[in-house]
Amino acid sequence: MTEIHAAPVRLELRSAPAGMPEPSLAPPVIAESGDPFTALRIVDLVARLERGRPIRISDIAARLDADYLDWLFPEPVVVDVLLQLQANWLTDYRNQSGIVLDSGPQGATVALEDSSRLDPWIVRQAQRVAADCRERLAAFSRLDRPAGG
C-alpha cells in the first residue's frame, strides 16, 4: 500500500451542490455585561434615542431584542452599559445632567440631555467600544486553535 503524505496546499473548491443551505447562520447570543459587542449595539441605539424625556429601560431592551433577532438583551445588561455611559459622562463633563438614570412607578428609565454636546460625545463612546470589538476580533484571529494547540 502506498503511503500518501498531505502537504499544505491551496484548496480548490467546486460549486456547492444545488439546494445546499446557506452556512452563515449564527447561534443566538445572550448579551453580557462587559462585552464590547453588546455595548456597541446598546450605545448605537442610545445614540438614536429621543432626547430630553425619560425612556423606560424595558422599552430599550425590547427594541434591542427586536433589532437583533439572534440576540437577547436582559435589562440588567442594558443598565450596566447605561451606567458606564453615565460614569464616562461624569468624568468628561463633571455633571449629572447628560445621562440620568431613575426609577419611577413604571420602572427604571434613562433620560438623555437634549444638547448639541451629546451627539459628538456619544459618537466618541461608540468609536471607543468599536475599537475594543476590533481588538477582540484581531486577538481571536491570531489564535491557531481554540485550545491553543
Protein backbone atom coordinates (compact mmCIF):
# COMPACT_ATOMS: atom_id res chain seq x y z
CA MET A 1 0.00 0.00 0.00
CA THR A 2 1.35 3.42 -0.93
CA GLU A 3 1.57 5.99 1.83
CA ILE A 4 0.11 9.38 0.94
CA HIS A 5 1.50 12.47 2.63
CA ALA A 6 -0.69 15.55 2.61
CA ALA A 7 1.23 18.78 2.25
CA PRO A 8 -0.37 22.16 2.83
CA VAL A 9 -1.85 23.32 -0.44
CA ARG A 10 -4.38 25.83 -1.64
CA LEU A 11 -7.75 24.12 -1.67
CA GLU A 12 -9.55 24.23 -4.99
CA LEU A 13 -13.28 24.27 -4.28
CA ARG A 14 -16.07 23.41 -6.61
CA SER A 15 -19.52 24.99 -6.58
CA ALA A 16 -21.86 23.84 -3.85
CA PRO A 17 -24.43 21.23 -4.84
CA ALA A 18 -27.89 22.53 -5.73
CA GLY A 19 -30.08 23.01 -2.68
CA MET A 20 -27.16 23.44 -0.26
CA PRO A 21 -28.34 25.73 2.62
CA GLU A 22 -26.53 28.97 3.45
CA PRO A 23 -23.88 28.23 6.13
CA SER A 24 -23.79 31.74 7.59
CA LEU A 25 -26.43 31.00 10.23
CA ALA A 26 -25.20 32.21 13.60
CA PRO A 27 -26.03 30.83 17.01
CA PRO A 28 -28.11 33.01 19.33
CA VAL A 29 -26.23 35.34 21.65
CA ILE A 30 -27.21 36.37 25.15
CA ALA A 31 -25.79 39.83 25.72
CA GLU A 32 -23.34 40.05 28.60
CA SER A 33 -22.08 42.88 30.75
CA GLY A 34 -18.52 43.84 29.91
CA ASP A 35 -18.76 42.54 26.34
CA PRO A 36 -17.86 45.26 23.80
CA PHE A 37 -20.08 43.70 21.11
CA THR A 38 -23.04 44.04 23.47
CA ALA A 39 -22.05 47.57 24.43
CA LEU A 40 -21.69 48.66 20.81
CA ARG A 41 -25.22 47.57 19.98
CA ILE A 42 -26.64 49.31 23.03
CA VAL A 43 -24.63 52.53 22.51
CA ASP A 44 -25.75 52.61 18.87
CA LEU A 45 -29.38 52.54 19.99
CA VAL A 46 -28.80 55.08 22.76
CA ALA A 47 -27.32 57.47 20.18
CA ARG A 48 -30.63 57.38 18.31
CA LEU A 49 -32.99 57.70 21.29
CA GLU A 50 -35.19 60.73 21.77
CA ARG A 51 -33.62 63.39 23.97
CA GLY A 52 -34.98 65.30 26.94
CA ARG A 53 -37.52 62.79 28.27
CA PRO A 54 -37.37 59.59 30.33
CA ILE A 55 -37.38 56.34 28.36
CA ARG A 56 -38.08 53.02 30.05
CA ILE A 57 -35.15 50.60 30.16
CA SER A 58 -37.56 47.76 29.37
CA ASP A 59 -38.53 49.55 26.14
CA ILE A 60 -34.85 49.87 25.20
CA ALA A 61 -34.24 46.17 25.87
CA ALA A 62 -37.33 45.24 23.84
CA ARG A 63 -36.18 47.38 20.91
CA LEU A 64 -32.73 45.78 21.01
CA ASP A 65 -34.33 42.31 21.03
CA ALA A 66 -36.42 43.32 18.00
CA ASP A 67 -33.48 44.87 16.12
CA TYR A 68 -31.15 41.91 16.73
CA LEU A 69 -33.29 38.80 16.44
CA ASP A 70 -30.35 36.50 17.15
CA TRP A 71 -29.51 38.33 20.39
CA LEU A 72 -31.23 38.60 23.77
CA PHE A 73 -30.64 41.78 25.81
CA PRO A 74 -31.52 41.34 29.51
CA GLU A 75 -32.46 44.62 31.19
CA PRO A 76 -29.61 44.42 33.77
CA VAL A 77 -27.09 44.27 30.91
CA VAL A 78 -28.65 47.36 29.31
CA VAL A 79 -28.49 49.13 32.67
CA ASP A 80 -24.80 48.19 33.05
CA VAL A 81 -23.95 49.82 29.72
CA LEU A 82 -26.01 52.90 30.60
CA LEU A 83 -24.25 53.15 33.97
CA GLN A 84 -20.88 53.00 32.20
CA LEU A 85 -22.00 55.76 29.83
CA GLN A 86 -23.19 57.81 32.80
CA ALA A 87 -19.82 57.35 34.55
CA ASN A 88 -17.98 58.36 31.38
CA TRP A 89 -20.19 61.45 31.07
CA LEU A 90 -19.48 62.40 34.69
CA THR A 91 -15.75 62.01 34.04
CA ASP A 92 -15.86 64.13 30.89
CA TYR A 93 -18.32 66.86 31.91
CA ARG A 94 -18.43 66.75 35.73
CA ASN A 95 -22.22 66.95 35.88
CA GLN A 96 -25.09 64.50 36.08
CA SER A 97 -27.43 66.08 33.53
CA GLY A 98 -26.16 64.21 30.46
CA ILE A 99 -27.41 60.72 31.25
CA VAL A 100 -29.90 60.42 34.09
CA LEU A 101 -30.97 57.01 35.33
CA ASP A 102 -34.02 56.96 37.54
CA SER A 103 -36.57 54.57 38.95
CA GLY A 104 -40.21 55.53 38.64
CA PRO A 105 -43.64 53.96 39.01
CA GLN A 106 -43.34 52.33 35.56
CA GLY A 107 -39.82 51.01 36.10
CA ALA A 108 -36.27 52.16 35.54
CA THR A 109 -35.75 54.94 33.00
CA VAL A 110 -32.96 56.85 31.32
CA ALA A 111 -33.13 60.44 30.13
CA LEU A 112 -30.57 61.91 27.76
CA GLU A 113 -29.63 65.57 27.78
CA ASP A 114 -31.05 67.47 24.82
CA SER A 115 -27.91 69.41 23.90
CA SER A 116 -25.51 69.72 20.99
CA ARG A 117 -22.67 68.22 23.00
CA LEU A 118 -24.30 64.79 23.41
CA ASP A 119 -24.05 63.64 19.78
CA PRO A 120 -20.29 64.09 19.33
CA TRP A 121 -19.71 62.64 22.80
CA ILE A 122 -21.78 59.50 22.13
CA VAL A 123 -20.01 59.04 18.78
CA ARG A 124 -16.66 59.02 20.63
CA GLN A 125 -18.04 56.47 23.09
CA ALA A 126 -19.21 54.24 20.22
CA GLN A 127 -15.84 54.59 18.46
CA ARG A 128 -14.03 53.54 21.63
CA VAL A 129 -16.27 50.48 22.06
CA ALA A 130 -15.92 49.58 18.35
CA ALA A 131 -12.13 49.72 18.76
CA ASP A 132 -12.47 47.24 21.65
CA CYS A 133 -14.51 44.97 19.36
CA ARG A 134 -11.87 45.14 16.62
CA GLU A 135 -9.15 44.39 19.17
CA ARG A 136 -11.02 41.28 20.34
CA LEU A 137 -11.55 40.13 16.77
CA ALA A 138 -7.87 40.64 15.97
CA ALA A 139 -6.83 38.68 19.07
CA PHE A 140 -9.21 35.89 18.08
CA SER A 141 -7.84 35.80 14.54
CA ARG A 142 -4.33 35.25 15.90
CA LEU A 143 -5.39 32.05 17.69
CA ASP A 144 -4.21 28.94 15.93
CA ARG A 145 -6.70 26.67 17.69
CA PRO A 146 -9.26 27.26 20.46
CA ALA A 147 -7.27 25.07 22.85
CA GLY A 148 -4.01 26.77 21.90
CA GLY A 149 -2.58 23.68 20.16
